[in-house]
Amino acid sequence: MRQYDVMQEKKQLALDLEKALVEDNLTALRLWTALEPGIEILMPLLSRVLDLAIDSSDPNKIGLARKVLFQHKKDPGLRNQLQQLIALYLANNDEWNYRRIAELYTHLQYKEEMAAFLVLCRANDNIEIQEISDDYPLI
């Protein structure tokens, strides 16, 4: 297969996954975990995948979104971008989001991020968010 064909297939896969994340995100996540497309496919769609991992109320979507992120957990660009996107959730002081963030950091085994996150939890005015630091020992 020629280089051009491979690039076209990846571009089409990215478009298909983007569309599926809007129309039927559970199916998109299942497909994603099965195909394991490269990091170049994930990065433009990272905020949508992260939203499913943190803000979804469906345990299946949360689990599958975490699997997608786990596939690329060692990529430094992903790790850096995750930090920036997660910061957007912190301002809401939503316990649900904070707990999903703690679970995500645990799942990805991001020790440094988890340590900094637990410090933020302890300093939070919301008692339920403070309790997260007791519920999640440092990994």
N, C-alpha and C. Protein backbone atom coordinates (compact mmCIF):
# COMPACT_ATOMS: atom_id res chain seq x y z
N MET A 1 0.85 -1.18 0.00
CA MET A 1 0.00 0.00 0.00
C MET A 1 0.90 1.25 0.00
N ARG A 2 0.56 2.17 -0.79
CA ARG A 2 1.34 3.40 -0.89
C ARG A 2 1.14 4.29 0.33
N GLN A 3 2.12 5.13 0.58
CA GLN A 3 2.10 6.06 1.72
C GLN A 3 0.85 6.94 1.68
N TYR A 4 0.50 7.40 0.48
CA TYR A 4 -0.68 8.26 0.32
C TYR A 4 -1.94 7.53 0.77
N ASP A 5 -2.07 6.27 0.40
CA ASP A 5 -3.26 5.49 0.78
C ASP A 5 -3.36 5.33 2.29
N VAL A 6 -2.24 5.08 2.93
CA VAL A 6 -2.23 4.93 4.39
C VAL A 6 -2.64 6.24 5.05
N MET A 7 -2.11 7.35 4.56
CA MET A 7 -2.47 8.66 5.12
C MET A 7 -3.95 8.94 4.91
N GLN A 8 -4.48 8.62 3.75
CA GLN A 8 -5.89 8.83 3.48
C GLN A 8 -6.77 7.97 4.39
N GLU A 9 -6.35 6.73 4.62
CA GLU A 9 -7.11 5.85 5.51
C GLU A 9 -7.12 6.37 6.94
N LYS A 10 -5.97 6.86 7.40
CA LYS A 10 -5.91 7.42 8.76
C LYS A 10 -6.77 8.67 8.87
N LYS A 11 -6.73 9.50 7.85
CA LYS A 11 -7.55 10.72 7.86
C LYS A 11 -9.03 10.35 7.90
N GLN A 12 -9.42 9.36 7.12
CA GLN A 12 -10.82 8.92 7.10
C GLN A 12 -11.21 8.31 8.44
N LEU A 13 -10.32 7.51 9.03
CA LEU A 13 -10.59 6.93 10.34
C LEU A 13 -10.80 8.03 11.38
N ALA A 14 -9.97 9.05 11.35
CA ALA A 14 -10.12 10.17 12.29
C ALA A 14 -11.47 10.84 12.12
N LEU A 15 -11.87 11.07 10.88
CA LEU A 15 -13.17 11.70 10.61
C LEU A 15 -14.32 10.81 11.08
N ASP A 16 -14.20 9.51 10.82
CA ASP A 16 -15.24 8.57 11.23
C ASP A 16 -15.37 8.52 12.76
N LEU A 17 -14.23 8.48 13.45
CA LEU A 17 -14.27 8.43 14.91
C LEU A 17 -14.82 9.73 15.49
N GLU A 18 -14.45 10.85 14.89
CA GLU A 18 -14.97 12.14 15.36
C GLU A 18 -16.49 12.19 15.22
N LYS A 19 -16.99 11.75 14.09
CA LYS A 19 -18.44 11.74 13.85
C LYS A 19 -19.12 10.78 14.83
N ALA A 20 -18.53 9.62 15.01
CA ALA A 20 -19.13 8.62 15.90
C ALA A 20 -19.13 9.09 17.35
N LEU A 21 -18.12 9.84 17.76
CA LEU A 21 -18.10 10.35 19.13
C LEU A 21 -19.26 11.30 19.39
N VAL A 22 -19.76 11.92 18.35
CA VAL A 22 -20.91 12.82 18.49
C VAL A 22 -22.21 12.04 18.42
N GLU A 23 -22.31 11.13 17.48
CA GLU A 23 -23.57 10.42 17.22
C GLU A 23 -23.81 9.24 18.14
N ASP A 24 -22.78 8.45 18.38
CA ASP A 24 -22.92 7.24 19.20
C ASP A 24 -21.58 6.98 19.87
N ASN A 25 -21.32 7.73 20.94
CA ASN A 25 -19.99 7.68 21.52
C ASN A 25 -19.63 6.33 22.14
N LEU A 26 -20.59 5.55 22.59
CA LEU A 26 -20.28 4.23 23.14
C LEU A 26 -19.72 3.31 22.06
N THR A 27 -20.37 3.31 20.90
CA THR A 27 -19.88 2.51 19.79
C THR A 27 -18.52 3.00 19.32
N ALA A 28 -18.34 4.31 19.28
CA ALA A 28 -17.05 4.89 18.87
C ALA A 28 -15.94 4.44 19.81
N LEU A 29 -16.21 4.46 21.10
CA LEU A 29 -15.19 4.05 22.07
C LEU A 29 -14.88 2.57 21.96
N ARG A 30 -15.90 1.76 21.73
CA ARG A 30 -15.66 0.32 21.54
C ARG A 30 -14.79 0.07 20.32
N LEU A 31 -15.11 0.76 19.24
CA LEU A 31 -14.33 0.64 18.01
C LEU A 31 -12.90 1.11 18.25
N TRP A 32 -12.77 2.21 18.94
CA TRP A 32 -11.46 2.78 19.21
C TRP A 32 -10.57 1.81 19.99
N THR A 33 -11.12 1.21 21.04
CA THR A 33 -10.31 0.29 21.85
C THR A 33 -9.94 -0.96 21.06
N ALA A 34 -10.77 -1.35 20.12
CA ALA A 34 -10.47 -2.52 19.30
C ALA A 34 -9.41 -2.21 18.24
N LEU A 35 -9.50 -1.04 17.63
CA LEU A 35 -8.59 -0.69 16.54
C LEU A 35 -7.25 -0.14 17.02
N GLU A 36 -7.25 0.49 18.18
CA GLU A 36 -6.07 1.15 18.74
C GLU A 36 -5.36 2.04 17.72
N PRO A 37 -6.06 3.05 17.20
CA PRO A 37 -5.41 3.96 16.26
C PRO A 37 -4.31 4.76 16.97
N GLY A 38 -3.45 5.36 16.23
CA GLY A 38 -2.31 6.07 16.79
C GLY A 38 -2.68 7.33 17.55
N ILE A 39 -1.68 7.85 18.22
CA ILE A 39 -1.84 9.07 19.02
C ILE A 39 -2.26 10.25 18.15
N GLU A 40 -1.86 10.25 16.89
CA GLU A 40 -2.22 11.35 15.99
C GLU A 40 -3.73 11.40 15.75
N ILE A 41 -4.40 10.29 15.93
CA ILE A 41 -5.87 10.25 15.81
C ILE A 41 -6.50 10.76 17.10
N LEU A 42 -5.90 10.41 18.24
CA LEU A 42 -6.47 10.79 19.53
C LEU A 42 -6.34 12.28 19.84
N MET A 43 -5.21 12.86 19.59
CA MET A 43 -4.95 14.22 20.05
C MET A 43 -6.00 15.25 19.62
N PRO A 44 -6.45 15.27 18.37
CA PRO A 44 -7.49 16.26 18.01
C PRO A 44 -8.84 16.00 18.69
N LEU A 45 -9.04 14.77 19.17
CA LEU A 45 -10.31 14.40 19.79
C LEU A 45 -10.18 14.21 21.31
N LEU A 46 -9.05 14.60 21.83
CA LEU A 46 -8.76 14.34 23.25
C LEU A 46 -9.78 14.95 24.20
N SER A 47 -10.21 16.16 23.94
CA SER A 47 -11.16 16.79 24.86
C SER A 47 -12.48 16.03 24.91
N ARG A 48 -12.91 15.47 23.78
CA ARG A 48 -14.16 14.68 23.77
C ARG A 48 -13.99 13.37 24.52
N VAL A 49 -12.87 12.70 24.31
CA VAL A 49 -12.62 11.45 25.01
C VAL A 49 -12.49 11.70 26.51
N LEU A 50 -11.77 12.74 26.88
CA LEU A 50 -11.60 13.07 28.29
C LEU A 50 -12.94 13.42 28.93
N ASP A 51 -13.79 14.12 28.21
CA ASP A 51 -15.11 14.46 28.74
C ASP A 51 -15.90 13.19 29.06
N LEU A 52 -15.78 12.19 28.23
CA LEU A 52 -16.47 10.92 28.49
C LEU A 52 -15.85 10.20 29.69
N ALA A 53 -14.56 10.36 29.91
CA ALA A 53 -13.88 9.72 31.04
C ALA A 53 -14.17 10.41 32.36
N ILE A 54 -14.49 11.70 32.31
CA ILE A 54 -14.66 12.47 33.55
C ILE A 54 -16.11 12.88 33.81
N ASP A 55 -16.83 13.27 32.78
CA ASP A 55 -18.13 13.89 33.00
C ASP A 55 -19.31 13.00 32.61
N SER A 56 -19.05 11.81 32.14
CA SER A 56 -20.14 10.90 31.77
C SER A 56 -20.75 10.27 33.01
N SER A 57 -22.01 9.93 32.93
CA SER A 57 -22.66 9.20 34.02
C SER A 57 -22.81 7.72 33.67
N ASP A 58 -22.33 7.33 32.49
CA ASP A 58 -22.42 5.94 32.04
C ASP A 58 -21.10 5.22 32.34
N PRO A 59 -21.12 4.24 33.25
CA PRO A 59 -19.88 3.54 33.61
C PRO A 59 -19.18 2.88 32.41
N ASN A 60 -19.95 2.42 31.43
CA ASN A 60 -19.35 1.82 30.24
C ASN A 60 -18.54 2.84 29.45
N LYS A 61 -19.10 4.02 29.29
CA LYS A 61 -18.39 5.08 28.56
C LYS A 61 -17.14 5.53 29.33
N ILE A 62 -17.28 5.65 30.63
CA ILE A 62 -16.14 6.05 31.46
C ILE A 62 -15.02 5.04 31.31
N GLY A 63 -15.34 3.76 31.44
CA GLY A 63 -14.33 2.71 31.35
C GLY A 63 -13.67 2.64 29.98
N LEU A 64 -14.46 2.75 28.93
CA LEU A 64 -13.90 2.69 27.58
C LEU A 64 -13.06 3.92 27.27
N ALA A 65 -13.49 5.08 27.72
CA ALA A 65 -12.69 6.29 27.49
C ALA A 65 -11.35 6.18 28.22
N ARG A 66 -11.36 5.62 29.41
CA ARG A 66 -10.11 5.40 30.13
C ARG A 66 -9.19 4.44 29.37
N LYS A 67 -9.78 3.41 28.78
CA LYS A 67 -8.98 2.46 27.99
C LYS A 67 -8.32 3.15 26.81
N VAL A 68 -9.07 4.02 26.15
CA VAL A 68 -8.51 4.77 25.02
C VAL A 68 -7.31 5.59 25.49
N LEU A 69 -7.45 6.28 26.60
CA LEU A 69 -6.37 7.10 27.13
C LEU A 69 -5.20 6.23 27.59
N PHE A 70 -5.51 5.09 28.16
CA PHE A 70 -4.47 4.18 28.65
C PHE A 70 -3.59 3.68 27.50
N GLN A 71 -4.17 3.51 26.33
CA GLN A 71 -3.41 3.04 25.17
C GLN A 71 -2.23 3.95 24.86
N HIS A 72 -2.31 5.20 25.24
CA HIS A 72 -1.27 6.18 24.90
C HIS A 72 -0.70 6.88 26.13
N LYS A 73 -0.84 6.27 27.30
CA LYS A 73 -0.47 6.93 28.55
C LYS A 73 0.99 7.34 28.63
N LYS A 74 1.86 6.67 27.88
CA LYS A 74 3.29 6.98 27.94
C LYS A 74 3.68 8.14 27.03
N ASP A 75 2.77 8.59 26.20
CA ASP A 75 3.08 9.69 25.29
C ASP A 75 3.16 11.00 26.09
N PRO A 76 4.31 11.69 26.05
CA PRO A 76 4.45 12.93 26.82
C PRO A 76 3.51 14.04 26.36
N GLY A 77 3.20 14.08 25.08
CA GLY A 77 2.27 15.09 24.58
C GLY A 77 0.87 14.89 25.14
N LEU A 78 0.45 13.64 25.22
CA LEU A 78 -0.86 13.33 25.81
C LEU A 78 -0.87 13.73 27.27
N ARG A 79 0.16 13.36 27.97
CA ARG A 79 0.23 13.65 29.41
C ARG A 79 0.15 15.15 29.67
N ASN A 80 0.85 15.91 28.88
CA ASN A 80 0.84 17.36 29.02
C ASN A 80 -0.52 17.95 28.68
N GLN A 81 -1.10 17.50 27.59
CA GLN A 81 -2.40 18.03 27.16
C GLN A 81 -3.50 17.64 28.16
N LEU A 82 -3.41 16.44 28.72
CA LEU A 82 -4.40 16.03 29.73
C LEU A 82 -4.40 16.99 30.91
N GLN A 83 -3.21 17.39 31.35
CA GLN A 83 -3.10 18.33 32.47
C GLN A 83 -3.86 19.62 32.19
N GLN A 84 -3.68 20.14 31.00
CA GLN A 84 -4.33 21.39 30.63
C GLN A 84 -5.85 21.24 30.56
N LEU A 85 -6.30 20.14 30.00
CA LEU A 85 -7.74 19.91 29.88
C LEU A 85 -8.39 19.61 31.22
N ILE A 86 -7.72 18.85 32.06
CA ILE A 86 -8.26 18.52 33.38
C ILE A 86 -8.41 19.78 34.22
N ALA A 87 -7.51 20.71 34.07
CA ALA A 87 -7.59 21.97 34.82
C ALA A 87 -8.92 22.69 34.58
N LEU A 88 -9.49 22.52 33.42
CA LEU A 88 -10.78 23.16 33.11
C LEU A 88 -11.92 22.61 33.96
N TYR A 89 -11.81 21.35 34.40
CA TYR A 89 -12.85 20.74 35.22
C TYR A 89 -12.75 21.16 36.68
N LEU A 90 -11.59 21.57 37.12
CA LEU A 90 -11.36 21.85 38.53
C LEU A 90 -12.14 23.07 39.02
N ALA A 91 -12.31 24.05 38.17
CA ALA A 91 -12.99 25.29 38.57
C ALA A 91 -14.44 25.07 38.97
N ASN A 92 -15.05 24.02 38.46
CA ASN A 92 -16.47 23.77 38.75
C ASN A 92 -16.72 23.24 40.16
N ASN A 93 -15.66 22.78 40.82
CA ASN A 93 -15.80 22.19 42.16
C ASN A 93 -16.88 21.12 42.22
N ASP A 94 -16.95 20.30 41.21
CA ASP A 94 -17.93 19.24 41.13
C ASP A 94 -17.30 17.94 41.65
N GLU A 95 -17.85 17.40 42.72
CA GLU A 95 -17.29 16.20 43.33
C GLU A 95 -17.23 15.05 42.33
N TRP A 96 -18.26 14.90 41.50
CA TRP A 96 -18.28 13.82 40.51
C TRP A 96 -17.04 13.90 39.62
N ASN A 97 -16.77 15.09 39.09
CA ASN A 97 -15.61 15.27 38.23
C ASN A 97 -14.31 15.00 38.98
N TYR A 98 -14.22 15.49 40.19
CA TYR A 98 -13.00 15.30 40.97
C TYR A 98 -12.75 13.81 41.22
N ARG A 99 -13.79 13.07 41.52
CA ARG A 99 -13.62 11.63 41.75
C ARG A 99 -13.21 10.91 40.46
N ARG A 100 -13.79 11.30 39.35
CA ARG A 100 -13.41 10.67 38.07
C ARG A 100 -11.97 11.02 37.70
N ILE A 101 -11.54 12.23 38.05
CA ILE A 101 -10.15 12.61 37.80
C ILE A 101 -9.21 11.75 38.64
N ALA A 102 -9.53 11.56 39.90
CA ALA A 102 -8.71 10.71 40.78
C ALA A 102 -8.65 9.29 40.22
N GLU A 103 -9.78 8.78 39.78
CA GLU A 103 -9.81 7.43 39.20
C GLU A 103 -8.97 7.36 37.93
N LEU A 104 -9.05 8.40 37.11
CA LEU A 104 -8.29 8.43 35.86
C LEU A 104 -6.79 8.44 36.15
N TYR A 105 -6.35 9.31 37.05
CA TYR A 105 -4.93 9.35 37.39
C TYR A 105 -4.46 8.01 37.95
N THR A 106 -5.29 7.37 38.75
CA THR A 106 -4.96 6.06 39.29
C THR A 106 -4.83 5.05 38.16
N HIS A 107 -5.80 5.05 37.26
CA HIS A 107 -5.81 4.11 36.13
C HIS A 107 -4.58 4.30 35.25
N LEU A 108 -4.23 5.55 35.00
CA LEU A 108 -3.09 5.85 34.13
C LEU A 108 -1.75 5.75 34.86
N GLN A 109 -1.81 5.62 36.18
CA GLN A 109 -0.62 5.53 37.03
C GLN A 109 0.26 6.77 36.90
N TYR A 110 -0.39 7.92 36.91
CA TYR A 110 0.31 9.20 36.85
C TYR A 110 0.54 9.69 38.28
N LYS A 111 1.64 9.28 38.87
CA LYS A 111 1.92 9.56 40.28
C LYS A 111 2.08 11.04 40.58
N GLU A 112 2.84 11.73 39.75
CA GLU A 112 3.09 13.15 40.02
C GLU A 112 1.80 13.97 39.93
N GLU A 113 1.02 13.70 38.90
CA GLU A 113 -0.24 14.41 38.72
C GLU A 113 -1.21 14.10 39.86
N MET A 114 -1.22 12.84 40.29
CA MET A 114 -2.10 12.43 41.38
C MET A 114 -1.69 13.13 42.68
N ALA A 115 -0.41 13.22 42.95
CA ALA A 115 0.06 13.88 44.17
C ALA A 115 -0.37 15.35 44.18
N ALA A 116 -0.18 16.04 43.07
CA ALA A 116 -0.58 17.45 42.98
C ALA A 116 -2.10 17.58 43.08
N PHE A 117 -2.82 16.66 42.48
CA PHE A 117 -4.28 16.69 42.52
C PHE A 117 -4.79 16.50 43.95
N LEU A 118 -4.20 15.57 44.69
CA LEU A 118 -4.64 15.33 46.06
C LEU A 118 -4.37 16.54 46.96
N VAL A 119 -3.31 17.28 46.69
CA VAL A 119 -3.06 18.53 47.42
C VAL A 119 -4.20 19.52 47.16
N LEU A 120 -4.61 19.62 45.90
CA LEU A 120 -5.75 20.50 45.55
C LEU A 120 -7.03 20.05 46.25
N CYS A 121 -7.23 18.75 46.31
CA CYS A 121 -8.44 18.23 46.98
C CYS A 121 -8.45 18.61 48.45
N ARG A 122 -7.31 18.43 49.11
CA ARG A 122 -7.23 18.75 50.54
C ARG A 122 -7.47 20.24 50.80
N ALA A 123 -7.07 21.09 49.88
CA ALA A 123 -7.20 22.54 50.06
C ALA A 123 -8.57 23.07 49.62
N ASN A 124 -9.39 22.23 49.05
CA ASN A 124 -10.68 22.66 48.53
C ASN A 124 -11.65 22.97 49.67
N ASP A 125 -12.55 23.94 49.48
CA ASP A 125 -13.54 24.31 50.49
C ASP A 125 -14.65 23.26 50.63
N ASN A 126 -14.87 22.48 49.60
CA ASN A 126 -15.91 21.46 49.59
C ASN A 126 -15.42 20.23 50.37
N ILE A 127 -16.12 19.89 51.44
CA ILE A 127 -15.71 18.77 52.29
C ILE A 127 -15.70 17.46 51.53
N GLU A 128 -16.66 17.27 50.64
CA GLU A 128 -16.71 16.03 49.86
C GLU A 128 -15.49 15.89 48.95
N ILE A 129 -15.01 17.00 48.44
CA ILE A 129 -13.80 16.97 47.60
C ILE A 129 -12.57 16.74 48.49
N GLN A 130 -12.56 17.31 49.68
CA GLN A 130 -11.45 17.08 50.61
C GLN A 130 -11.32 15.60 50.93
N GLU A 131 -12.45 14.92 51.05
CA GLU A 131 -12.45 13.50 51.40
C GLU A 131 -11.78 12.63 50.33
N ILE A 132 -11.72 13.12 49.11
CA ILE A 132 -11.08 12.35 48.03
C ILE A 132 -9.63 12.07 48.38
N SER A 133 -8.96 13.03 49.03
CA SER A 133 -7.57 12.81 49.39
C SER A 133 -7.42 11.67 50.40
N ASP A 134 -8.44 11.41 51.19
CA ASP A 134 -8.42 10.27 52.12
C ASP A 134 -8.74 8.96 51.41
N ASP A 135 -9.58 9.05 50.38
CA ASP A 135 -10.04 7.85 49.67
C ASP A 135 -9.01 7.30 48.69
N TYR A 136 -8.10 8.16 48.25
CA TYR A 136 -7.12 7.75 47.24
C TYR A 136 -5.71 7.92 47.78
N PRO A 137 -5.16 6.82 48.27
CA PRO A 137 -3.75 6.92 48.69
C PRO A 137 -2.88 7.15 47.47
N LEU A 138 -1.75 7.73 47.70
CA LEU A 138 -0.84 7.99 46.59
C LEU A 138 -0.43 6.67 45.95
N ILE A 139 -0.51 6.62 44.63
CA ILE A 139 -0.19 5.40 43.90
C ILE A 139 1.31 5.23 43.73
